[in-house]
Amino acid sequence: MSELLVRSLEASTVFLLAALGELVNQRSGILNVGLEGLMLFGGTAAFLMAQSTGSYAAGLAGGIAVGSLLGWVHGLFSVRLRGDQVVSGMGLWILSFGLTTYLGSPRTGPLGLPRFPALLGLSPFVYFGILLVVAVWFVLSRTSLGLAIRSVGESPAAAAASGVNVAGIRYLCVVFGGALAGLAGAAYTLSYNPVWNYNFLMGWGFVSLALVFFSMWNPWVLLGGSVLFGAMWQLSLSPEYVLPGVLSRYVWRTVPFAVTIAILTVISTPWFRTRWGLAKPQALGVPYGD
């Protein structure tokens, strides 16, 4: 299997894990624009734990635990206190930007452990990501829990009248989304690029957030979008594989972000909404009070 393909799939998986958790968040009506912050925290915690203990398992547990905790914090502000979800998410991102730099700076550099074990030439995260897409699709579309999540995201008042615990469902979703964001950060720092540096993600969280809108809140479309953006990102780092000597690599690195803006512009048009039925949850970002 070519190195470009392997690296593209591993990059795609980081996008997929973070975006899949955010998709579940948003299907319950909670928006977290601080997704990159949760990934930074999770990736830093995983790196520090793995380096300190020499155990990848400890690193993964640390990344997931920190992501889950921050997801709960976002839920506290968004669900319990009914605050502005955009402000809460941006606050988490700003906090992560400074705090991870402070905590991680003494450990700047490579992880110093053997390469993360591969399975049939690929990171195990790749296989786990695909299984997770199947699981999320099944839960959302074939179970009573999925129906409750979707109803809370569409009309929390109607869901509450039907006996659904709106706050409980939303807390469950934000903690799940936080756990996957932490896992995505861990996948980055332990497998994809096991070298810690200041602001190591460089926008991956924001691309993952955009992928949720690009997917129209459909896990299968999200999988395809993640593969597309993972390939574009890897090509932007190594354009010599396709167009050697054409433009600077710094120009190529703007391509994923330019494509993200273009896609979001297209799917926001009335024509696209009418033709393709953009399935944005009606209560997304709207606080709900009993």
Protein backbone atom coordinates (compact mmCIF):
# COMPACT_ATOMS: atom_id res chain seq x y z
CA MET A 1 0.00 0.00 0.00
CA SER A 2 1.49 3.35 -1.04
CA GLU A 3 2.67 5.73 1.63
CA LEU A 4 0.44 8.51 0.24
CA LEU A 5 -2.68 6.34 0.51
CA VAL A 6 -1.84 5.20 4.04
CA ARG A 7 -1.13 8.71 5.26
CA SER A 8 -4.28 10.04 3.57
CA LEU A 9 -6.46 7.44 5.29
CA GLU A 10 -4.85 8.17 8.65
CA ALA A 11 -5.45 11.91 8.20
CA SER A 12 -9.03 11.17 7.14
CA THR A 13 -9.58 9.22 10.34
CA VAL A 14 -8.61 12.16 12.55
CA PHE A 15 -11.15 14.33 10.73
CA LEU A 16 -13.75 11.55 10.86
CA LEU A 17 -13.53 10.86 14.59
CA ALA A 18 -13.83 14.52 15.57
CA ALA A 19 -16.58 15.27 13.04
CA LEU A 20 -18.60 12.16 13.95
CA GLY A 21 -18.76 13.21 17.59
CA GLU A 22 -19.79 16.72 16.58
CA LEU A 23 -22.45 15.29 14.25
CA VAL A 24 -24.07 13.51 17.21
CA ASN A 25 -23.78 16.76 19.23
CA GLN A 26 -25.56 18.71 16.54
CA ARG A 27 -28.26 16.12 15.95
CA SER A 28 -29.21 16.74 19.60
CA GLY A 29 -29.24 20.52 19.03
CA ILE A 30 -25.86 21.41 20.59
CA LEU A 31 -23.24 23.26 18.53
CA ASN A 32 -19.60 23.19 19.64
CA VAL A 33 -17.45 25.56 17.59
CA GLY A 34 -14.59 24.88 20.01
CA LEU A 35 -14.02 21.43 18.53
CA GLU A 36 -10.40 22.25 17.79
CA GLY A 37 -9.88 23.15 21.44
CA LEU A 38 -11.13 19.76 22.60
CA MET A 39 -8.85 18.07 20.08
CA LEU A 40 -5.88 20.14 21.29
CA PHE A 41 -6.59 19.22 24.90
CA GLY A 42 -7.15 15.55 24.08
CA GLY A 43 -4.07 15.29 21.89
CA THR A 44 -1.86 17.02 24.45
CA ALA A 45 -3.17 14.89 27.32
CA ALA A 46 -2.64 11.72 25.29
CA PHE A 47 0.91 12.74 24.34
CA LEU A 48 1.91 13.64 27.90
CA MET A 49 0.33 10.52 29.41
CA ALA A 50 1.88 8.17 26.85
CA GLN A 51 5.30 9.78 27.16
CA SER A 52 5.22 9.73 30.96
CA THR A 53 4.02 6.13 31.30
CA GLY A 54 5.41 4.56 28.14
CA SER A 55 1.92 3.21 27.46
CA TYR A 56 -0.26 3.99 24.45
CA ALA A 57 -3.28 2.69 26.36
CA ALA A 58 -2.73 5.28 29.10
CA GLY A 59 -2.38 7.99 26.47
CA LEU A 60 -5.63 7.02 24.77
CA ALA A 61 -7.44 6.87 28.11
CA GLY A 62 -6.10 10.32 29.03
CA GLY A 63 -7.16 11.86 25.72
CA ILE A 64 -10.66 10.40 25.87
CA ALA A 65 -11.12 11.35 29.54
CA VAL A 66 -10.06 14.97 28.98
CA GLY A 67 -12.25 15.27 25.87
CA SER A 68 -15.24 13.84 27.77
CA LEU A 69 -14.72 16.25 30.65
CA LEU A 70 -14.56 19.26 28.36
CA GLY A 71 -17.63 18.03 26.49
CA TRP A 72 -19.44 17.94 29.84
CA VAL A 73 -18.23 21.48 30.61
CA HIS A 74 -19.63 22.69 27.30
CA GLY A 75 -22.87 20.91 28.18
CA LEU A 76 -22.95 22.63 31.55
CA PHE A 77 -22.84 26.05 29.91
CA SER A 78 -25.09 25.13 27.00
CA VAL A 79 -27.69 22.88 28.66
CA ARG A 80 -27.76 23.67 32.36
CA LEU A 81 -26.96 27.41 32.20
CA ARG A 82 -28.58 27.89 28.75
CA GLY A 83 -25.71 30.08 27.62
CA ASP A 84 -24.69 31.03 24.13
CA GLN A 85 -23.22 27.88 22.59
CA VAL A 86 -20.91 29.76 20.25
CA VAL A 87 -19.44 31.79 23.11
CA SER A 88 -18.96 28.65 25.22
CA GLY A 89 -17.23 26.81 22.37
CA MET A 90 -14.97 29.72 21.53
CA GLY A 91 -14.09 30.05 25.21
CA LEU A 92 -12.97 26.42 25.30
CA TRP A 93 -10.88 26.92 22.17
CA ILE A 94 -9.15 30.05 23.53
CA LEU A 95 -8.49 28.30 26.84
CA SER A 96 -7.00 25.30 25.07
CA PHE A 97 -4.82 27.48 22.89
CA GLY A 98 -3.00 28.91 25.90
CA LEU A 99 -3.18 26.07 28.42
CA THR A 100 -1.96 23.31 26.11
CA THR A 101 0.99 25.49 25.14
CA TYR A 102 1.86 26.00 28.80
CA LEU A 103 1.52 22.31 29.67
CA GLY A 104 3.13 20.88 26.56
CA SER A 105 6.04 23.25 25.94
CA PRO A 106 8.44 21.39 28.29
CA ARG A 107 7.80 18.23 26.25
CA THR A 108 8.13 19.78 22.78
CA GLY A 109 9.52 17.21 20.37
CA PRO A 110 8.97 13.57 19.40
CA LEU A 111 6.97 11.13 21.51
CA GLY A 112 9.96 8.85 21.95
CA LEU A 113 8.00 5.58 21.79
CA PRO A 114 7.97 2.84 19.12
CA ARG A 115 5.58 3.62 16.28
CA PHE A 116 1.93 2.97 17.07
CA PRO A 117 1.15 -0.67 16.15
CA ALA A 118 -0.33 -1.07 12.66
CA LEU A 119 -2.95 -3.56 11.52
CA LEU A 120 -2.58 -4.77 7.92
CA GLY A 121 -0.47 -1.73 7.15
CA LEU A 122 -2.93 0.81 8.57
CA SER A 123 -3.44 2.43 11.93
CA PRO A 124 -6.15 0.65 13.99
CA PHE A 125 -7.87 4.04 14.21
CA VAL A 126 -8.82 3.70 10.53
CA TYR A 127 -10.79 0.50 11.13
CA PHE A 128 -12.29 1.84 14.34
CA GLY A 129 -13.47 4.98 12.52
CA ILE A 130 -15.33 2.94 9.90
CA LEU A 131 -16.96 0.75 12.56
CA LEU A 132 -17.98 3.88 14.43
CA VAL A 133 -19.70 5.30 11.33
CA VAL A 134 -21.77 2.12 11.09
CA ALA A 135 -22.59 2.26 14.80
CA VAL A 136 -23.61 5.93 14.77
CA TRP A 137 -25.75 5.46 11.66
CA PHE A 138 -27.47 2.46 13.22
CA VAL A 139 -28.12 4.18 16.55
CA LEU A 140 -29.43 7.39 14.97
CA SER A 141 -31.66 5.75 12.39
CA ARG A 142 -32.67 2.38 13.87
CA THR A 143 -33.00 2.76 17.65
CA SER A 144 -35.24 4.52 20.15
CA LEU A 145 -32.20 6.36 21.51
CA GLY A 146 -31.49 7.71 18.03
CA LEU A 147 -35.11 8.81 17.69
CA ALA A 148 -34.82 10.64 21.02
CA ILE A 149 -31.60 12.37 19.92
CA ARG A 150 -33.13 13.47 16.64
CA SER A 151 -36.36 14.65 18.25
CA VAL A 152 -34.44 16.70 20.82
CA GLY A 153 -32.48 18.33 18.00
CA GLU A 154 -35.60 19.13 16.01
CA SER A 155 -38.11 20.18 18.68
CA PRO A 156 -37.04 19.82 22.32
CA ALA A 157 -40.43 21.03 23.57
CA ALA A 158 -42.27 18.32 21.64
CA ALA A 159 -39.70 15.74 22.77
CA ALA A 160 -40.17 16.76 26.40
CA ALA A 161 -43.94 16.51 26.02
CA SER A 162 -43.42 12.94 24.80
CA GLY A 163 -41.49 12.06 27.95
CA VAL A 164 -37.93 12.48 26.61
CA ASN A 165 -35.35 13.84 29.07
CA VAL A 166 -34.02 16.67 26.91
CA ALA A 167 -31.18 17.69 29.24
CA GLY A 168 -30.11 14.07 29.78
CA ILE A 169 -29.98 13.33 26.04
CA ARG A 170 -28.01 16.50 25.33
CA TYR A 171 -25.52 15.81 28.11
CA LEU A 172 -25.06 12.29 26.78
CA CYS A 173 -24.36 13.64 23.30
CA VAL A 174 -21.92 16.38 24.33
CA VAL A 175 -19.91 13.95 26.47
CA PHE A 176 -19.84 11.44 23.61
CA GLY A 177 -18.80 14.19 21.19
CA GLY A 178 -16.10 15.36 23.59
CA ALA A 179 -14.78 11.82 23.99
CA LEU A 180 -14.45 11.44 20.20
CA ALA A 181 -12.79 14.85 19.90
CA GLY A 182 -10.28 13.78 22.56
CA LEU A 183 -9.75 10.49 20.74
CA ALA A 184 -9.20 12.35 17.46
CA GLY A 185 -6.53 14.49 19.12
CA ALA A 186 -4.95 11.35 20.56
CA ALA A 187 -4.97 9.68 17.13
CA TYR A 188 -3.09 12.70 15.80
CA THR A 189 -0.38 12.90 18.48
CA LEU A 190 0.08 9.17 19.06
CA SER A 191 -0.21 7.81 15.51
CA TYR A 192 -0.52 10.30 12.66
CA ASN A 193 2.20 12.74 13.77
CA PRO A 194 3.71 11.75 17.16
CA VAL A 195 5.56 15.03 17.68
CA TRP A 196 4.19 17.67 20.04
CA ASN A 197 4.46 21.32 19.09
CA TYR A 198 2.64 24.56 19.76
CA ASN A 199 -0.81 24.60 18.10
CA PHE A 200 -0.01 21.30 16.38
CA LEU A 201 -3.46 20.89 14.77
CA MET A 202 -3.28 24.03 12.61
CA GLY A 203 -7.01 24.14 11.87
CA TRP A 204 -7.91 20.44 11.73
CA GLY A 205 -10.71 20.98 14.25
CA PHE A 206 -12.30 23.73 12.18
CA VAL A 207 -12.16 21.57 9.06
CA SER A 208 -13.82 18.76 11.05
CA LEU A 209 -16.54 21.18 12.14
CA ALA A 210 -17.12 22.23 8.53
CA LEU A 211 -17.31 18.57 7.49
CA VAL A 212 -20.41 18.12 9.66
CA PHE A 213 -22.24 20.80 7.66
CA PHE A 214 -20.79 19.41 4.42
CA SER A 215 -22.19 15.97 5.29
CA MET A 216 -25.74 17.31 5.79
CA TRP A 217 -25.66 15.48 9.14
CA ASN A 218 -25.41 12.09 7.45
CA PRO A 219 -22.69 9.71 8.81
CA TRP A 220 -22.11 8.07 5.42
CA VAL A 221 -21.64 11.36 3.61
CA LEU A 222 -19.37 12.40 6.46
CA LEU A 223 -17.20 9.33 5.86
CA GLY A 224 -16.83 10.23 2.18
CA GLY A 225 -16.10 13.87 3.00
CA SER A 226 -13.46 12.88 5.54
CA VAL A 227 -11.68 10.69 2.98
CA LEU A 228 -11.78 13.53 0.46
CA PHE A 229 -10.41 16.12 2.87
CA GLY A 230 -7.81 13.71 4.26
CA ALA A 231 -6.49 13.12 0.76
CA MET A 232 -6.47 16.86 0.00
CA TRP A 233 -4.65 17.58 3.24
CA GLN A 234 -1.98 14.97 2.59
CA LEU A 235 -1.52 16.17 -0.97
CA SER A 236 -1.15 19.72 0.31
CA LEU A 237 1.77 18.49 2.44
CA SER A 238 3.32 16.43 -0.37
CA PRO A 239 2.24 18.00 -3.70
CA GLU A 240 5.26 16.48 -5.41
CA TYR A 241 3.35 13.18 -5.60
CA VAL A 242 0.95 14.69 -8.15
CA LEU A 243 2.26 18.01 -9.49
CA PRO A 244 5.99 18.23 -8.76
CA GLY A 245 7.40 21.73 -8.99
CA VAL A 246 4.02 23.44 -9.43
CA LEU A 247 3.49 26.27 -6.93
CA SER A 248 4.88 26.51 -3.41
CA ARG A 249 3.84 23.91 -0.83
CA TYR A 250 2.63 26.83 1.29
CA VAL A 251 0.12 27.67 -1.42
CA TRP A 252 -0.97 24.03 -1.55
CA ARG A 253 -1.61 24.07 2.20
CA THR A 254 -4.36 26.64 1.70
CA VAL A 255 -6.27 24.31 -0.66
CA PRO A 256 -8.21 22.31 2.02
CA PHE A 257 -9.37 25.54 3.66
CA ALA A 258 -10.29 27.15 0.32
CA VAL A 259 -12.30 24.06 -0.66
CA THR A 260 -14.01 24.10 2.76
CA ILE A 261 -15.13 27.71 2.24
CA ALA A 262 -16.33 26.96 -1.29
CA ILE A 263 -18.36 23.92 -0.20
CA LEU A 264 -19.95 25.73 2.74
CA THR A 265 -20.88 28.60 0.42
CA VAL A 266 -22.58 26.24 -2.04
CA ILE A 267 -24.56 24.27 0.53
CA SER A 268 -25.77 27.51 2.14
CA THR A 269 -27.51 28.68 -1.04
CA PRO A 270 -31.33 28.47 -1.30
CA TRP A 271 -30.94 26.42 -4.49
CA PHE A 272 -28.97 23.71 -2.72
CA ARG A 273 -31.29 23.65 0.29
CA THR A 274 -34.33 23.28 -1.95
CA ARG A 275 -32.85 20.66 -4.24
CA TRP A 276 -31.02 18.51 -1.72
CA GLY A 277 -32.98 19.12 1.45
CA LEU A 278 -30.27 20.23 3.86
CA ALA A 279 -31.16 18.38 7.05
CA LYS A 280 -30.04 20.97 9.59
CA PRO A 281 -31.58 20.23 13.01
CA GLN A 282 -34.20 22.91 13.65
CA ALA A 283 -33.16 23.52 17.26
CA LEU A 284 -29.41 23.60 16.60
CA GLY A 285 -27.76 26.20 18.83
CA VAL A 286 -31.04 27.20 20.48
CA PRO A 287 -31.09 26.96 24.32
CA TYR A 288 -34.00 25.07 25.81
CA GLY A 289 -35.55 25.67 29.21
CA ASP A 290 -38.14 23.59 30.98
